[in-house]
Structure formats: C-alpha cells, structure tokens
PDB file of N, CA and C in Angstrom:
ATOM      1  N   MET A   1     153.783  26.099 169.140  1.00  0.00           N
ATOM      2  CA  MET A   1     152.452  26.386 169.779  1.00  0.00           C
ATOM      3  C   MET A   1     151.423  27.057 168.324  1.00  0.00           C
ATOM      4  N   LEU A   2     150.055  25.855 168.491  1.00  0.00           N
ATOM      5  CA  LEU A   2     148.998  26.098 167.600  1.00  0.00           C
ATOM      6  C   LEU A   2     147.944  26.655 168.003  1.00  0.00           C
ATOM      7  N   ARG A   3     147.577  28.084 167.217  1.00  0.00           N
ATOM      8  CA  ARG A   3     146.684  28.605 167.541  1.00  0.00           C
ATOM      9  C   ARG A   3     145.543  28.871 166.561  1.00  0.00           C
ATOM     10  N   GLY A   4     144.286  29.253 166.703  1.00  0.00           N
ATOM     11  CA  GLY A   4     143.260  29.021 165.823  1.00  0.00           C
ATOM     12  C   GLY A   4     141.970  28.538 166.429  1.00  0.00           C
ATOM     13  N   THR A   5     141.141  28.752 165.230  1.00  0.00           N
ATOM     14  CA  THR A   5     139.356  28.560 165.820  1.00  0.00           C
ATOM     15  C   THR A   5     139.012  27.333 164.680  1.00  0.00           C
ATOM     16  N   PHE A   6     137.721  27.255 165.286  1.00  0.00           N
ATOM     17  CA  PHE A   6     137.108  26.061 164.510  1.00  0.00           C
ATOM     18  C   PHE A   6     135.771  25.788 164.798  1.00  0.00           C
ATOM     19  N   GLU A   7     134.935  25.342 164.066  1.00  0.00           N
ATOM     20  CA  GLU A   7     133.402  25.065 164.208  1.00  0.00           C
ATOM     21  C   GLU A   7     132.852  23.845 164.161  1.00  0.00           C
ATOM     22  N   LEU A   8     132.175  23.089 165.104  1.00  0.00           N
ATOM     23  CA  LEU A   8     131.703  21.927 165.000  1.00  0.00           C
ATOM     24  C   LEU A   8     130.736  21.623 164.299  1.00  0.00           C
ATOM     25  N   ILE A   9     130.177  20.806 163.067  1.00  0.00           N
ATOM     26  CA  ILE A   9     129.053  20.315 162.536  1.00  0.00           C
ATOM     27  C   ILE A   9     128.027  20.379 163.315  1.00  0.00           C
ATOM     28  N   GLY A  10     126.905  20.404 163.272  1.00  0.00           N
ATOM     29  CA  GLY A  10     126.049  20.409 164.104  1.00  0.00           C
ATOM     30  C   GLY A  10     125.300  18.855 164.102  1.00  0.00           C
ATOM     31  N   ASP A  11     124.646  18.469 165.445  1.00  0.00           N
ATOM     32  CA  ASP A  11     124.689  17.001 165.411  1.00  0.00           C
ATOM     33  C   ASP A  11     122.935  16.549 165.331  1.00  0.00           C
ATOM     34  N   LYS A  12     122.301  15.778 164.645  1.00  0.00           N
ATOM     35  CA  LYS A  12     121.760  15.352 164.246  1.00  0.00           C
ATOM     36  C   LYS A  12     120.619  15.695 165.742  1.00  0.00           C
ATOM     37  N   SER A  13     121.249  14.297 166.523  1.00  0.00           N
ATOM     38  CA  SER A  13     120.517  13.998 168.010  1.00  0.00           C
ATOM     39  C   SER A  13     120.019  15.251 168.650  1.00  0.00           C
ATOM     40  N   ILE A  14     121.101  15.910 168.840  1.00  0.00           N
ATOM     41  CA  ILE A  14     121.512  17.454 169.635  1.00  0.00           C
ATOM     42  C   ILE A  14     120.299  17.993 169.304  1.00  0.00           C
ATOM     43  N   SER A  15     120.385  18.210 168.064  1.00  0.00           N
ATOM     44  CA  SER A  15     119.677  19.255 167.295  1.00  0.00           C
ATOM     45  C   SER A  15     117.332  19.204 167.492  1.00  0.00           C
ATOM     46  N   HIS A  16     117.615  17.896 167.493  1.00  0.00           N
ATOM     47  CA  HIS A  16     116.093  17.344 167.937  1.00  0.00           C
ATOM     48  C   HIS A  16     116.028  17.236 169.655  1.00  0.00           C
ATOM     49  N   ARG A  17     116.785  17.126 169.707  1.00  0.00           N
ATOM     50  CA  ARG A  17     116.254  17.265 171.355  1.00  0.00           C
ATOM     51  C   ARG A  17     116.455  18.880 171.754  1.00  0.00           C
ATOM     52  N   ALA A  18     117.220  19.375 171.228  1.00  0.00           N
ATOM     53  CA  ALA A  18     117.077  21.096 171.484  1.00  0.00           C
ATOM     54  C   ALA A  18     115.536  21.859 171.088  1.00  0.00           C
ATOM     55  N   ILE A  19     115.619  21.245 170.304  1.00  0.00           N
ATOM     56  CA  ILE A  19     113.989  21.598 169.705  1.00  0.00           C
ATOM     57  C   ILE A  19     113.026  21.830 170.949  1.00  0.00           C
ATOM     58  N   MET A  20     112.703  19.889 171.123  1.00  0.00           N
ATOM     59  CA  MET A  20     111.990  19.525 171.861  1.00  0.00           C
ATOM     60  C   MET A  20     112.674  20.239 173.534  1.00  0.00           C
ATOM     61  N   LEU A  21     113.467  20.377 174.039  1.00  0.00           N
ATOM     62  CA  LEU A  21     113.313  20.967 174.755  1.00  0.00           C
ATOM     63  C   LEU A  21     112.968  22.608 174.812  1.00  0.00           C
ATOM     64  N   SER A  22     113.685  23.118 173.979  1.00  0.00           N
ATOM     65  CA  SER A  22     113.405  24.633 174.076  1.00  0.00           C
ATOM     66  C   SER A  22     111.747  24.738 174.016  1.00  0.00           C
ATOM     67  N   SER A  23     111.133  24.120 173.446  1.00  0.00           N
ATOM     68  CA  SER A  23     109.883  23.674 173.095  1.00  0.00           C
ATOM     69  C   SER A  23     109.040  23.993 174.346  1.00  0.00           C
ATOM     70  N   ILE A  24     109.159  22.844 175.327  1.00  0.00           N
ATOM     71  CA  ILE A  24     108.469  22.661 176.369  1.00  0.00           C
ATOM     72  C   ILE A  24     109.014  24.060 177.492  1.00  0.00           C
ATOM     73  N   SER A  25     109.697  24.523 177.217  1.00  0.00           N
ATOM     74  CA  SER A  25     110.596  25.686 178.790  1.00  0.00           C
ATOM     75  C   SER A  25     109.871  26.469 178.446  1.00  0.00           C
ATOM     76  N   LYS A  26     109.854  27.592 179.355  1.00  0.00           N
ATOM     77  CA  LYS A  26     109.729  28.621 179.446  1.00  0.00           C
ATOM     78  C   LYS A  26     110.272  29.535 179.009  1.00  0.00           C
ATOM     79  N   GLY A  27     109.977  30.301 178.012  1.00  0.00           N
ATOM     80  CA  GLY A  27     111.125  31.824 177.858  1.00  0.00           C
ATOM     81  C   GLY A  27     111.583  31.486 176.277  1.00  0.00           C
ATOM     82  N   ASN A  28     112.806  32.395 175.927  1.00  0.00           N
ATOM     83  CA  ASN A  28     113.494  32.382 174.660  1.00  0.00           C
ATOM     84  C   ASN A  28     113.934  31.857 175.108  1.00  0.00           C
ATOM     85  N   ASN A  29     114.436  30.688 173.741  1.00  0.00           N
ATOM     86  CA  ASN A  29     115.733  30.218 173.680  1.00  0.00           C
ATOM     87  C   ASN A  29     116.754  30.234 172.672  1.00  0.00           C
ATOM     88  N   LYS A  30     117.597  30.353 171.719  1.00  0.00           N
ATOM     89  CA  LYS A  30     118.230  30.041 171.105  1.00  0.00           C
ATOM     90  C   LYS A  30     119.441  28.596 170.825  1.00  0.00           C
ATOM     91  N   ILE A  31     119.486  28.536 169.702  1.00  0.00           N
ATOM     92  CA  ILE A  31     120.196  27.117 169.820  1.00  0.00           C
ATOM     93  C   ILE A  31     121.067  27.400 168.524  1.00  0.00           C
ATOM     94  N   SER A  32     122.506  27.067 169.107  1.00  0.00           N
ATOM     95  CA  SER A  32     123.924  27.214 167.994  1.00  0.00           C
ATOM     96  C   SER A  32     124.076  26.143 167.357  1.00  0.00           C
ATOM     97  N   ASN A  33     123.979  26.277 166.448  1.00  0.00           N
ATOM     98  CA  ASN A  33     125.173  25.379 165.300  1.00  0.00           C
ATOM     99  C   ASN A  33     123.956  24.280 165.012  1.00  0.00           C
ATOM    100  N   PHE A  34     122.519  24.601 164.848  1.00  0.00           N
ATOM    101  CA  PHE A  34     121.497  23.733 164.770  1.00  0.00           C
ATOM    102  C   PHE A  34     122.224  22.777 163.476  1.00  0.00           C
ATOM    103  N   LEU A  35     121.794  21.511 163.030  1.00  0.00           N
ATOM    104  CA  LEU A  35     121.867  20.870 162.246  1.00  0.00           C
ATOM    105  C   LEU A  35     120.756  21.132 161.295  1.00  0.00           C
ATOM    106  N   MET A  36     121.320  21.707 159.597  1.00  0.00           N
ATOM    107  CA  MET A  36     120.066  22.200 159.136  1.00  0.00           C
ATOM    108  C   MET A  36     119.583  20.732 158.225  1.00  0.00           C
ATOM    109  N   GLY A  37     119.454  19.638 158.585  1.00  0.00           N
ATOM    110  CA  GLY A  37     119.117  18.067 157.725  1.00  0.00           C
ATOM    111  C   GLY A  37     117.669  18.460 157.559  1.00  0.00           C
ATOM    112  N   GLU A  38     116.836  17.612 156.562  1.00  0.00           N
ATOM    113  CA  GLU A  38     115.552  17.601 156.606  1.00  0.00           C
ATOM    114  C   GLU A  38     115.259  17.223 157.481  1.00  0.00           C
ATOM    115  N   ASP A  39     115.537  16.537 158.010  1.00  0.00           N
ATOM    116  CA  ASP A  39     115.178  15.312 159.359  1.00  0.00           C
ATOM    117  C   ASP A  39     114.707  16.611 160.600  1.00  0.00           C
ATOM    118  N   CYS A  40     115.710  17.387 160.694  1.00  0.00           N
ATOM    119  CA  CYS A  40     115.619  17.938 162.035  1.00  0.00           C
ATOM    120  C   CYS A  40     114.841  19.223 161.468  1.00  0.00           C
ATOM    121  N   LEU A  41     115.028  19.674 160.491  1.00  0.00           N
ATOM    122  CA  LEU A  41     113.580  20.759 160.368  1.00  0.00           C
ATOM    123  C   LEU A  41     112.554  20.496 160.239  1.00  0.00           C
ATOM    124  N   SER A  42     112.102  19.075 159.811  1.00  0.00           N
ATOM    125  CA  SER A  42     110.361  18.452 159.842  1.00  0.00           C
ATOM    126  C   SER A  42     110.593  18.607 161.600  1.00  0.00           C
ATOM    127  N   THR A  43     111.203  18.296 162.364  1.00  0.00           N
ATOM    128  CA  THR A  43     110.923  18.547 163.740  1.00  0.00           C
ATOM    129  C   THR A  43     110.091  19.667 164.560  1.00  0.00           C
ATOM    130  N   VAL A  44     111.649  21.039 163.285  1.00  0.00           N
ATOM    131  CA  VAL A  44     110.777  22.145 163.816  1.00  0.00           C
ATOM    132  C   VAL A  44     109.531  22.577 163.514  1.00  0.00           C
ATOM    133  N   ASP A  45     109.021  21.994 162.222  1.00  0.00           N
ATOM    134  CA  ASP A  45     107.340  22.090 161.234  1.00  0.00           C
ATOM    135  C   ASP A  45     107.007  21.657 162.437  1.00  0.00           C
ATOM    136  N   CYS A  46     106.782  20.571 163.002  1.00  0.00           N
ATOM    137  CA  CYS A  46     105.777  19.684 164.026  1.00  0.00           C
ATOM    138  C   CYS A  46     105.788  21.125 164.897  1.00  0.00           C
ATOM    139  N   PHE A  47     106.572  21.305 165.365  1.00  0.00           N
ATOM    140  CA  PHE A  47     106.330  21.832 166.640  1.00  0.00           C
ATOM    141  C   PHE A  47     105.941  23.279 166.267  1.00  0.00           C
ATOM    142  N   ARG A  48     105.976  23.881 165.210  1.00  0.00           N
ATOM    143  CA  ARG A  48     105.146  25.107 164.798  1.00  0.00           C
ATOM    144  C   ARG A  48     103.755  25.041 164.588  1.00  0.00           C
ATOM    145  N   LYS A  49     103.688  23.489 164.366  1.00  0.00           N
ATOM    146  CA  LYS A  49     102.249  23.249 163.822  1.00  0.00           C
ATOM    147  C   LYS A  49     101.450  22.764 165.487  1.00  0.00           C
ATOM    148  N   MET A  50     102.050  22.444 166.228  1.00  0.00           N
ATOM    149  CA  MET A  50     102.143  22.568 167.622  1.00  0.00           C
ATOM    150  C   MET A  50     102.118  23.766 168.716  1.00  0.00           C
ATOM    151  N   GLY A  51     101.871  25.265 167.878  1.00  0.00           N
ATOM    152  CA  GLY A  51     101.947  26.230 168.206  1.00  0.00           C
ATOM    153  C   GLY A  51     103.200  27.263 169.052  1.00  0.00           C
ATOM    154  N   VAL A  52     104.696  26.321 168.643  1.00  0.00           N
ATOM    155  CA  VAL A  52     105.226  27.195 169.356  1.00  0.00           C
ATOM    156  C   VAL A  52     105.939  28.147 168.166  1.00  0.00           C
ATOM    157  N   ASP A  53     106.515  28.867 168.196  1.00  0.00           N
ATOM    158  CA  ASP A  53     107.299  29.830 168.013  1.00  0.00           C
ATOM    159  C   ASP A  53     108.348  30.070 167.712  1.00  0.00           C
ATOM    160  N   ILE A  54     108.916  29.510 166.559  1.00  0.00           N
ATOM    161  CA  ILE A  54     110.173  29.195 165.639  1.00  0.00           C
ATOM    162  C   ILE A  54     110.687  30.250 164.954  1.00  0.00           C
ATOM    163  N   GLU A  55     112.101  30.051 164.663  1.00  0.00           N
ATOM    164  CA  GLU A  55     112.534  31.133 163.832  1.00  0.00           C
ATOM    165  C   GLU A  55     113.818  30.864 163.211  1.00  0.00           C
ATOM    166  N   VAL A  56     114.585  30.256 162.162  1.00  0.00           N
ATOM    167  CA  VAL A  56     115.440  29.914 161.268  1.00  0.00           C
ATOM    168  C   VAL A  56     115.921  30.447 161.119  1.00  0.00           C
ATOM    169  N   ASN A  57     117.296  30.658 161.447  1.00  0.00           N
ATOM    170  CA  ASN A  57     118.389  31.577 160.876  1.00  0.00           C
ATOM    171  C   ASN A  57     119.720  31.571 160.944  1.00  0.00           C
ATOM    172  N   ASN A  58     120.459  30.947 159.096  1.00  0.00           N
ATOM    173  CA  ASN A  58     121.139  30.480 159.259  1.00  0.00           C
ATOM    174  C   ASN A  58     121.683  29.278 160.346  1.00  0.00           C
ATOM    175  N   LYS A  59     122.658  29.156 160.685  1.00  0.00           N
ATOM    176  CA  LYS A  59     122.885  27.888 161.849  1.00  0.00           C
ATOM    177  C   LYS A  59     121.846  28.220 162.981  1.00  0.00           C
ATOM    178  N   GLU A  60     121.203  29.413 163.328  1.00  0.00           N
ATOM    179  CA  GLU A  60     120.916  29.327 164.922  1.00  0.00           C
ATOM    180  C   GLU A  60     119.531  29.389 164.556  1.00  0.00           C
ATOM    181  N   VAL A  61     119.072  28.901 165.516  1.00  0.00           N
ATOM    182  CA  VAL A  61     117.511  28.786 165.701  1.00  0.00           C
ATOM    183  C   VAL A  61     117.082  29.682 167.394  1.00  0.00           C
ATOM    184  N   TYR A  62     115.868  30.410 167.338  1.00  0.00           N
ATOM    185  CA  TYR A  62     115.371  31.293 168.063  1.00  0.00           C
ATOM    186  C   TYR A  62     114.440  30.213 168.480  1.00  0.00           C
ATOM    187  N   VAL A  63     113.570  29.948 169.599  1.00  0.00           N
ATOM    188  CA  VAL A  63     112.655  28.832 169.724  1.00  0.00           C
ATOM    189  C   VAL A  63     111.895  29.904 171.064  1.00  0.00           C
ATOM    190  N   LYS A  64     110.264  30.366 171.408  1.00  0.00           N
ATOM    191  CA  LYS A  64     109.612  30.602 172.117  1.00  0.00           C
ATOM    192  C   LYS A  64     109.228  29.478 172.973  1.00  0.00           C
ATOM    193  N   GLY A  65     110.112  29.123 174.128  1.00  0.00           N
ATOM    194  CA  GLY A  65     108.792  28.339 174.533  1.00  0.00           C
ATOM    195  C   GLY A  65     107.831  28.504 175.254  1.00  0.00           C
ATOM    196  N   ARG A  66     106.605  27.287 175.257  1.00  0.00           N
ATOM    197  CA  ARG A  66     105.795  27.596 175.925  1.00  0.00           C
ATOM    198  C   ARG A  66     105.270  27.045 176.868  1.00  0.00           C
ATOM    199  N   GLY A  67     106.153  26.502 177.726  1.00  0.00           N
ATOM    200  CA  GLY A  67     106.218  25.974 179.162  1.00  0.00           C
ATOM    201  C   GLY A  67     105.179  23.914 178.898  1.00  0.00           C
ATOM    202  N   LEU A  68     105.980  23.343 179.553  1.00  0.00           N
ATOM    203  CA  LEU A  68     105.411  21.718 179.974  1.00  0.00           C
ATOM    204  C   LEU A  68     103.837  21.342 179.435  1.00  0.00           C
ATOM    205  N   ARG A  69     103.008  22.036 180.234  1.00  0.00           N
ATOM    206  CA  ARG A  69     101.806  21.880 179.462  1.00  0.00           C
ATOM    207  C   ARG A  69     101.371  23.412 178.205  1.00  0.00           C
ATOM    208  N   GLY A  70     101.855  23.742 177.367  1.00  0.00           N
ATOM    209  CA  GLY A  70     102.001  25.175 176.827  1.00  0.00           C
ATOM    210  C   GLY A  70     101.606  24.957 175.066  1.00  0.00           C
ATOM    211  N   LEU A  71     102.102  23.071 174.651  1.00  0.00           N
ATOM    212  CA  LEU A  71     101.662  22.842 173.131  1.00  0.00           C
ATOM    213  C   LEU A  71     100.276  23.297 172.795  1.00  0.00           C
ATOM    214  N   SER A  72     100.075  22.982 172.234  1.00  0.00           N
ATOM    215  CA  SER A  72      98.439  22.724 171.444  1.00  0.00           C
ATOM    216  C   SER A  72      98.446  21.574 170.390  1.00  0.00           C
ATOM    217  N   LYS A  73      97.085  21.015 170.230  1.00  0.00           N
ATOM    218  CA  LYS A  73      97.373  19.854 169.419  1.00  0.00           C
ATOM    219  C   LYS A  73      96.882  20.591 167.646  1.00  0.00           C
ATOM    220  N   PRO A  74      97.958  19.325 167.023  1.00  0.00           N
ATOM    221  CA  PRO A  74      97.767  20.201 165.447  1.00  0.00           C
ATOM    222  C   PRO A  74      96.644  20.200 164.985  1.00  0.00           C
ATOM    223  N   HIS A  75      96.728  20.746 163.726  1.00  0.00           N
ATOM    224  CA  HIS A  75      94.850  20.705 162.800  1.00  0.00           C
ATOM    225  C   HIS A  75      95.804  19.581 161.889  1.00  0.00           C
TER     226      HIS A  75
END
C-alpha cells in the first residue's frame, strides 16, 4: 500500500481563465495553486486596472468579482 500527498504545479491556461471568470462573477473567489508566472501575473494586473480587487498571497489569489458588467475602462 502506498500513502502520501503531492501538490500539482499550477497550470497557465487555467490560471488565466480563473482570473477572468472570477473577475466577472459576483462575490468573493479564492483561486488555489495559481501559477505565479510573469504572464499570469500580467493578467492579474490587467484586471486590477479594470477595477477588480485582487490579492495575491503565495499560491493563492483572492478575487472580489464585480459581476458581468462591472469592469471599468482602464486609464
């Protein structure tokens, strides 16, 4: 019998989509095992510029969704 635990590395495509979908949802979202690559963090920055409150904490990202029509035009 084999026992143990393991953690999968984050996935770039899923990390991008998780930010996008969480941003246009209503309410609070927690994304676990987020890939902290430069391009994924750039997506976070883009959505912050559209008014989404996003907190990055280690491999977890917390997003306060603004709803389907809640994004603001970036400056």
